[in-house]
Amino acid sequence: MAIVCYHEQKQSWVVGYLETVNADGSAVYGRGTLTANLGVERVVEPPRNRVAALDCYGKSLEQLRATGRLVELRPGQ
C-alpha cells in the first residue's frame, strides 16, 4: 500500500510506501522526505521532531481511502 500526501509549502505531492508492519499492528510508510508512522488506532501520526507539513498527518486510513489517497498496489500493476 501507499499513502499520498500533499505538501502545502512546496506545492507538491509525496508518496509513502508501506515499509514495515509491527507485531502490534502499527506500521511505517516511507520514501524520500516522507516518513509516516501509523499507530495501532490506524491514524497517521504527526512527526514529533518537526512541523507536520503534509496534509495526511492526523488522518485515519479510512479517511485517506475515502479521498483516494490510500493506494493498494497489486503485483503486476
N, C-alpha and C. Protein backbone atom coordinates (compact mmCIF):
# COMPACT_ATOMS: atom_id res chain seq x y z
N MET A 1 0.83 -1.17 0.00
CA MET A 1 0.00 0.00 0.00
C MET A 1 0.88 1.24 0.00
N ALA A 2 0.27 2.32 -0.39
CA ALA A 2 0.96 3.61 -0.40
C ALA A 2 -0.03 4.69 0.05
N ILE A 3 0.50 5.73 0.68
CA ILE A 3 -0.32 6.88 1.02
C ILE A 3 0.20 8.08 0.23
N VAL A 4 -0.73 8.91 -0.18
CA VAL A 4 -0.41 10.08 -0.98
C VAL A 4 -0.73 11.32 -0.14
N CYS A 5 0.27 12.16 0.05
CA CYS A 5 0.12 13.36 0.88
C CYS A 5 0.47 14.60 0.08
N TYR A 6 -0.13 15.72 0.46
CA TYR A 6 0.17 16.98 -0.21
C TYR A 6 0.99 17.86 0.72
N HIS A 7 2.06 18.44 0.19
CA HIS A 7 2.93 19.34 0.94
C HIS A 7 2.58 20.76 0.52
N GLU A 8 1.84 21.45 1.38
CA GLU A 8 1.33 22.78 1.06
C GLU A 8 2.44 23.77 0.73
N GLN A 9 3.49 23.82 1.54
CA GLN A 9 4.57 24.79 1.34
C GLN A 9 5.31 24.58 0.02
N LYS A 10 5.55 23.33 -0.34
CA LYS A 10 6.27 23.02 -1.57
C LYS A 10 5.34 22.87 -2.77
N GLN A 11 4.02 22.88 -2.51
CA GLN A 11 3.03 22.72 -3.57
C GLN A 11 3.31 21.46 -4.40
N SER A 12 3.52 20.34 -3.68
CA SER A 12 3.83 19.09 -4.36
C SER A 12 3.22 17.91 -3.62
N TRP A 13 3.08 16.81 -4.36
CA TRP A 13 2.56 15.57 -3.82
C TRP A 13 3.71 14.65 -3.43
N VAL A 14 3.53 13.89 -2.36
CA VAL A 14 4.54 12.96 -1.87
C VAL A 14 3.86 11.60 -1.67
N VAL A 15 4.54 10.54 -2.07
CA VAL A 15 4.00 9.19 -1.90
C VAL A 15 4.89 8.42 -0.93
N GLY A 16 4.28 7.80 0.06
CA GLY A 16 5.00 6.95 1.00
C GLY A 16 4.51 5.53 0.88
N TYR A 17 5.44 4.60 0.72
CA TYR A 17 5.11 3.19 0.54
C TYR A 17 5.22 2.45 1.87
N LEU A 18 4.36 1.47 2.06
CA LEU A 18 4.39 0.66 3.26
C LEU A 18 5.73 -0.04 3.35
N GLU A 19 6.44 0.18 4.45
CA GLU A 19 7.76 -0.43 4.64
C GLU A 19 7.74 -1.54 5.68
N THR A 20 7.10 -1.27 6.81
CA THR A 20 7.16 -2.19 7.95
C THR A 20 5.80 -2.28 8.63
N VAL A 21 5.41 -3.50 8.99
CA VAL A 21 4.23 -3.70 9.83
C VAL A 21 4.72 -4.40 11.09
N ASN A 22 4.47 -3.78 12.23
CA ASN A 22 4.95 -4.30 13.51
C ASN A 22 3.95 -5.28 14.12
N ALA A 23 4.39 -6.05 15.09
CA ALA A 23 3.56 -7.06 15.73
C ALA A 23 2.29 -6.48 16.35
N ASP A 24 2.35 -5.23 16.82
CA ASP A 24 1.17 -4.62 17.45
C ASP A 24 0.19 -4.01 16.44
N GLY A 25 0.51 -4.10 15.14
CA GLY A 25 -0.37 -3.58 14.10
C GLY A 25 0.01 -2.19 13.62
N SER A 26 0.95 -1.54 14.29
CA SER A 26 1.42 -0.24 13.81
C SER A 26 2.27 -0.46 12.57
N ALA A 27 2.48 0.60 11.79
CA ALA A 27 3.21 0.45 10.53
C ALA A 27 4.02 1.71 10.24
N VAL A 28 4.97 1.56 9.32
CA VAL A 28 5.80 2.68 8.88
C VAL A 28 5.68 2.78 7.36
N TYR A 29 5.37 3.97 6.89
CA TYR A 29 5.35 4.27 5.46
C TYR A 29 6.51 5.22 5.20
N GLY A 30 7.18 5.09 4.08
CA GLY A 30 8.28 6.00 3.81
C GLY A 30 8.76 5.98 2.38
N ARG A 31 9.41 7.07 2.03
CA ARG A 31 10.11 7.21 0.76
C ARG A 31 10.61 8.64 0.69
N GLY A 32 11.87 8.82 0.48
CA GLY A 32 12.41 10.16 0.37
C GLY A 32 12.15 11.00 1.60
N THR A 33 11.44 12.09 1.43
CA THR A 33 11.19 13.01 2.55
C THR A 33 10.00 12.61 3.40
N LEU A 34 9.25 11.61 2.99
CA LEU A 34 8.07 11.21 3.75
C LEU A 34 8.38 10.01 4.61
N THR A 35 8.22 10.17 5.90
CA THR A 35 8.21 9.05 6.83
C THR A 35 6.98 9.24 7.69
N ALA A 36 6.09 8.28 7.65
CA ALA A 36 4.85 8.38 8.40
C ALA A 36 4.67 7.12 9.22
N ASN A 37 4.35 7.31 10.49
CA ASN A 37 4.05 6.18 11.36
C ASN A 37 2.54 6.07 11.50
N LEU A 38 2.07 4.87 11.37
CA LEU A 38 0.65 4.60 11.52
C LEU A 38 0.49 3.88 12.85
N GLY A 39 -0.22 4.50 13.77
CA GLY A 39 -0.41 3.91 15.09
C GLY A 39 -1.39 2.76 15.05
N VAL A 40 -1.51 2.05 16.15
CA VAL A 40 -2.41 0.90 16.22
C VAL A 40 -3.86 1.33 16.03
N GLU A 41 -4.18 2.60 16.26
CA GLU A 41 -5.54 3.09 16.03
C GLU A 41 -5.78 3.46 14.57
N ARG A 42 -4.79 3.16 13.69
CA ARG A 42 -4.88 3.35 12.24
C ARG A 42 -4.98 4.82 11.84
N VAL A 43 -4.27 5.68 12.57
CA VAL A 43 -4.19 7.10 12.25
C VAL A 43 -2.73 7.44 11.98
N VAL A 44 -2.47 8.22 10.92
CA VAL A 44 -1.11 8.63 10.58
C VAL A 44 -0.66 9.65 11.62
N GLU A 45 0.37 9.30 12.37
CA GLU A 45 0.85 10.14 13.47
C GLU A 45 1.73 11.27 12.95
N PRO A 46 1.50 12.50 13.41
CA PRO A 46 2.37 13.60 13.01
C PRO A 46 3.76 13.42 13.60
N PRO A 47 4.79 13.95 12.92
CA PRO A 47 6.15 13.82 13.45
C PRO A 47 6.30 14.57 14.77
N ARG A 48 7.16 14.07 15.61
CA ARG A 48 7.38 14.70 16.93
C ARG A 48 8.55 15.67 16.91
N ASN A 49 9.41 15.57 15.89
CA ASN A 49 10.63 16.37 15.88
C ASN A 49 10.62 17.50 14.84
N ARG A 50 9.48 17.72 14.17
CA ARG A 50 9.38 18.79 13.19
C ARG A 50 7.90 19.13 12.95
N VAL A 51 7.68 20.21 12.23
CA VAL A 51 6.32 20.61 11.89
C VAL A 51 5.71 19.61 10.91
N ALA A 52 4.46 19.28 11.13
CA ALA A 52 3.77 18.34 10.25
C ALA A 52 3.32 19.08 8.99
N ALA A 53 4.17 19.09 7.97
CA ALA A 53 3.91 19.87 6.76
C ALA A 53 3.01 19.16 5.75
N LEU A 54 2.78 17.87 5.92
CA LEU A 54 1.97 17.11 4.97
C LEU A 54 0.54 16.98 5.48
N ASP A 55 -0.41 17.01 4.56
CA ASP A 55 -1.81 17.01 4.96
C ASP A 55 -2.36 15.65 5.39
N CYS A 56 -1.61 14.58 5.23
CA CYS A 56 -2.13 13.26 5.62
C CYS A 56 -1.92 12.96 7.11
N TYR A 57 -1.09 13.74 7.77
CA TYR A 57 -0.88 13.51 9.21
C TYR A 57 -2.18 13.79 9.97
N GLY A 58 -2.49 12.91 10.90
CA GLY A 58 -3.70 13.06 11.70
C GLY A 58 -4.94 12.44 11.07
N LYS A 59 -4.80 11.91 9.88
CA LYS A 59 -5.93 11.28 9.20
C LYS A 59 -5.87 9.76 9.37
N SER A 60 -7.05 9.15 9.39
CA SER A 60 -7.12 7.70 9.51
C SER A 60 -6.99 7.06 8.12
N LEU A 61 -6.70 5.76 8.11
CA LEU A 61 -6.64 5.05 6.83
C LEU A 61 -7.98 5.13 6.11
N GLU A 62 -9.06 5.09 6.86
CA GLU A 62 -10.39 5.16 6.26
C GLU A 62 -10.61 6.52 5.59
N GLN A 63 -10.15 7.60 6.23
CA GLN A 63 -10.27 8.93 5.63
C GLN A 63 -9.43 9.03 4.37
N LEU A 64 -8.22 8.50 4.41
CA LEU A 64 -7.35 8.53 3.24
C LEU A 64 -7.94 7.70 2.11
N ARG A 65 -8.48 6.54 2.43
CA ARG A 65 -9.10 5.68 1.41
C ARG A 65 -10.31 6.37 0.79
N ALA A 66 -11.12 7.02 1.60
CA ALA A 66 -12.33 7.70 1.10
C ALA A 66 -12.01 8.84 0.14
N THR A 67 -10.85 9.44 0.29
CA THR A 67 -10.47 10.55 -0.59
C THR A 67 -9.51 10.12 -1.70
N GLY A 68 -9.32 8.81 -1.86
CA GLY A 68 -8.46 8.29 -2.92
C GLY A 68 -6.98 8.45 -2.65
N ARG A 69 -6.61 8.65 -1.39
CA ARG A 69 -5.21 8.90 -1.04
C ARG A 69 -4.51 7.69 -0.43
N LEU A 70 -5.21 6.58 -0.33
CA LEU A 70 -4.62 5.31 0.08
C LEU A 70 -4.69 4.40 -1.14
N VAL A 71 -3.56 3.98 -1.63
CA VAL A 71 -3.49 3.21 -2.86
C VAL A 71 -3.04 1.79 -2.53
N GLU A 72 -3.85 0.83 -2.92
CA GLU A 72 -3.49 -0.56 -2.71
C GLU A 72 -2.82 -1.06 -3.99
N LEU A 73 -1.55 -1.41 -3.88
CA LEU A 73 -0.79 -1.87 -5.03
C LEU A 73 -0.87 -3.39 -5.12
N ARG A 74 -1.03 -3.87 -6.31
CA ARG A 74 -1.11 -5.32 -6.53
C ARG A 74 0.00 -5.72 -7.50
N PRO A 75 0.54 -6.93 -7.34
CA PRO A 75 1.59 -7.38 -8.26
C PRO A 75 1.10 -7.31 -9.70
N GLY A 76 1.96 -6.86 -10.57
CA GLY A 76 1.62 -6.79 -11.98
C GLY A 76 0.96 -5.48 -12.39
N GLN A 77 0.74 -4.57 -11.44
CA GLN A 77 0.13 -3.28 -11.78
C GLN A 77 1.16 -2.23 -11.98
